Amino acid sequence: MVTISRGDVVLCDLNPVVGTEQAGVRPVVILQIDRANAVSPHTIIVPFTTKIRRA
């Protein structure tokens, strides 16, 4: 089992999706505190894009 910590950036498979959620393998940042990560089967994450937007 992989140990994850708050602030880590990992690749996550976000399938299956419902509605307009982001899909596929995407980078995510771990927001949940480490104590909760150790005991919970679920983790709070935020996906972000790999695309660079030019102003």
N, C-alpha and C. Protein backbone atom coordinates (compact mmCIF):
# COMPACT_ATOMS: atom_id res chain seq x y z
N MET A 1 0.84 -1.18 0.00
CA MET A 1 0.00 0.00 0.00
C MET A 1 0.89 1.25 0.00
N VAL A 2 0.48 2.23 -0.77
CA VAL A 2 1.23 3.48 -0.88
C VAL A 2 0.78 4.44 0.21
N THR A 3 1.74 5.09 0.86
CA THR A 3 1.41 6.10 1.86
C THR A 3 1.31 7.46 1.17
N ILE A 4 0.19 8.14 1.40
CA ILE A 4 0.02 9.48 0.84
C ILE A 4 -0.08 10.48 1.98
N SER A 5 0.39 11.69 1.71
CA SER A 5 0.38 12.75 2.72
C SER A 5 -0.27 14.00 2.13
N ARG A 6 -0.78 14.84 3.02
CA ARG A 6 -1.38 16.10 2.60
C ARG A 6 -0.36 16.90 1.81
N GLY A 7 -0.80 17.43 0.66
CA GLY A 7 0.07 18.22 -0.19
C GLY A 7 0.74 17.43 -1.30
N ASP A 8 0.68 16.10 -1.23
CA ASP A 8 1.25 15.27 -2.30
C ASP A 8 0.50 15.50 -3.60
N VAL A 9 1.21 15.43 -4.71
CA VAL A 9 0.59 15.45 -6.03
C VAL A 9 0.78 14.06 -6.62
N VAL A 10 -0.34 13.42 -6.97
CA VAL A 10 -0.30 12.06 -7.50
C VAL A 10 -1.20 11.97 -8.72
N LEU A 11 -0.98 10.95 -9.56
CA LEU A 11 -1.88 10.68 -10.66
C LEU A 11 -2.99 9.78 -10.17
N CYS A 12 -4.22 10.10 -10.56
CA CYS A 12 -5.39 9.37 -10.07
C CYS A 12 -6.33 9.09 -11.24
N ASP A 13 -6.86 7.86 -11.31
CA ASP A 13 -7.86 7.51 -12.32
C ASP A 13 -9.22 7.94 -11.78
N LEU A 14 -9.83 8.96 -12.38
CA LEU A 14 -11.07 9.54 -11.89
C LEU A 14 -12.32 8.92 -12.51
N ASN A 15 -12.19 7.78 -13.16
CA ASN A 15 -13.35 7.09 -13.73
C ASN A 15 -13.97 6.19 -12.69
N PRO A 16 -15.26 5.92 -12.70
CA PRO A 16 -16.26 6.46 -13.63
C PRO A 16 -16.71 7.85 -13.18
N VAL A 17 -17.28 8.58 -14.11
CA VAL A 17 -17.74 9.95 -13.83
C VAL A 17 -19.25 10.03 -13.91
N VAL A 18 -19.81 11.06 -13.30
CA VAL A 18 -21.24 11.34 -13.36
C VAL A 18 -21.39 12.79 -13.81
N GLY A 19 -22.14 13.03 -14.86
CA GLY A 19 -22.38 14.40 -15.31
C GLY A 19 -21.15 15.03 -15.92
N THR A 20 -20.76 16.20 -15.41
CA THR A 20 -19.67 16.98 -16.01
C THR A 20 -18.37 16.88 -15.22
N GLU A 21 -18.21 15.84 -14.42
CA GLU A 21 -16.98 15.68 -13.65
C GLU A 21 -15.81 15.40 -14.58
N GLN A 22 -14.60 15.71 -14.12
CA GLN A 22 -13.40 15.42 -14.89
C GLN A 22 -13.19 13.91 -14.93
N ALA A 23 -12.71 13.42 -16.07
CA ALA A 23 -12.54 11.98 -16.24
C ALA A 23 -11.10 11.65 -16.61
N GLY A 24 -10.78 10.36 -16.53
CA GLY A 24 -9.48 9.88 -16.95
C GLY A 24 -8.43 9.99 -15.86
N VAL A 25 -7.19 9.73 -16.26
CA VAL A 25 -6.06 9.82 -15.33
C VAL A 25 -5.59 11.27 -15.31
N ARG A 26 -5.62 11.87 -14.13
CA ARG A 26 -5.29 13.29 -13.99
C ARG A 26 -4.45 13.51 -12.75
N PRO A 27 -3.65 14.59 -12.73
CA PRO A 27 -2.94 14.92 -11.49
C PRO A 27 -3.92 15.48 -10.46
N VAL A 28 -3.71 15.10 -9.21
CA VAL A 28 -4.54 15.61 -8.11
C VAL A 28 -3.64 15.97 -6.94
N VAL A 29 -4.09 16.89 -6.11
CA VAL A 29 -3.37 17.24 -4.88
C VAL A 29 -4.21 16.72 -3.71
N ILE A 30 -3.53 16.14 -2.71
CA ILE A 30 -4.18 15.58 -1.54
C ILE A 30 -4.45 16.70 -0.54
N LEU A 31 -5.72 16.88 -0.15
CA LEU A 31 -6.09 17.92 0.81
C LEU A 31 -6.34 17.39 2.21
N GLN A 32 -6.73 16.14 2.32
CA GLN A 32 -7.12 15.55 3.61
C GLN A 32 -5.91 15.44 4.54
N ILE A 33 -6.14 15.63 5.84
CA ILE A 33 -5.05 15.55 6.81
C ILE A 33 -4.51 14.12 6.91
N ASP A 34 -3.25 13.99 7.27
CA ASP A 34 -2.57 12.70 7.28
C ASP A 34 -3.22 11.68 8.21
N ARG A 35 -3.71 12.11 9.37
CA ARG A 35 -4.36 11.16 10.30
C ARG A 35 -5.58 10.53 9.66
N ALA A 36 -6.36 11.31 8.94
CA ALA A 36 -7.54 10.77 8.26
C ALA A 36 -7.14 9.88 7.09
N ASN A 37 -6.07 10.23 6.38
CA ASN A 37 -5.60 9.39 5.27
C ASN A 37 -5.22 8.00 5.76
N ALA A 38 -4.70 7.90 6.97
CA ALA A 38 -4.24 6.62 7.50
C ALA A 38 -5.39 5.68 7.85
N VAL A 39 -6.56 6.20 8.19
CA VAL A 39 -7.64 5.34 8.67
C VAL A 39 -8.87 5.30 7.76
N SER A 40 -8.97 6.19 6.81
CA SER A 40 -10.16 6.26 5.97
C SER A 40 -9.92 5.61 4.61
N PRO A 41 -10.91 4.90 4.07
CA PRO A 41 -10.77 4.36 2.72
C PRO A 41 -10.98 5.43 1.65
N HIS A 42 -11.38 6.63 2.06
CA HIS A 42 -11.62 7.74 1.14
C HIS A 42 -10.66 8.88 1.46
N THR A 43 -10.31 9.66 0.44
CA THR A 43 -9.40 10.78 0.62
C THR A 43 -9.93 12.00 -0.12
N ILE A 44 -9.81 13.17 0.47
CA ILE A 44 -10.25 14.41 -0.17
C ILE A 44 -9.14 14.89 -1.09
N ILE A 45 -9.49 15.07 -2.37
CA ILE A 45 -8.51 15.49 -3.38
C ILE A 45 -9.06 16.65 -4.19
N VAL A 46 -8.17 17.33 -4.92
CA VAL A 46 -8.57 18.35 -5.88
C VAL A 46 -7.83 18.06 -7.19
N PRO A 47 -8.57 17.74 -8.25
CA PRO A 47 -7.91 17.54 -9.54
C PRO A 47 -7.52 18.89 -10.15
N PHE A 48 -6.47 18.88 -10.94
CA PHE A 48 -6.11 20.09 -11.65
C PHE A 48 -5.68 19.74 -13.05
N THR A 49 -5.54 20.74 -13.89
CA THR A 49 -5.28 20.53 -15.30
C THR A 49 -3.79 20.46 -15.60
N THR A 50 -3.47 19.83 -16.71
CA THR A 50 -2.09 19.80 -17.19
C THR A 50 -1.91 20.81 -18.33
N LYS A 51 -2.98 21.51 -18.67
CA LYS A 51 -2.94 22.48 -19.77
C LYS A 51 -2.48 23.84 -19.25
N ILE A 52 -1.68 24.52 -20.06
CA ILE A 52 -1.22 25.87 -19.73
C ILE A 52 -2.07 26.86 -20.51
N ARG A 53 -2.71 27.78 -19.79
CA ARG A 53 -3.56 28.79 -20.44
C ARG A 53 -2.74 30.06 -20.63
N ARG A 54 -2.73 30.55 -21.84
CA ARG A 54 -2.02 31.80 -22.12
C ARG A 54 -2.96 32.98 -21.96
N ALA A 55 -2.46 34.04 -21.35
CA ALA A 55 -3.30 35.23 -21.12
C ALA A 55 -3.46 36.05 -22.37
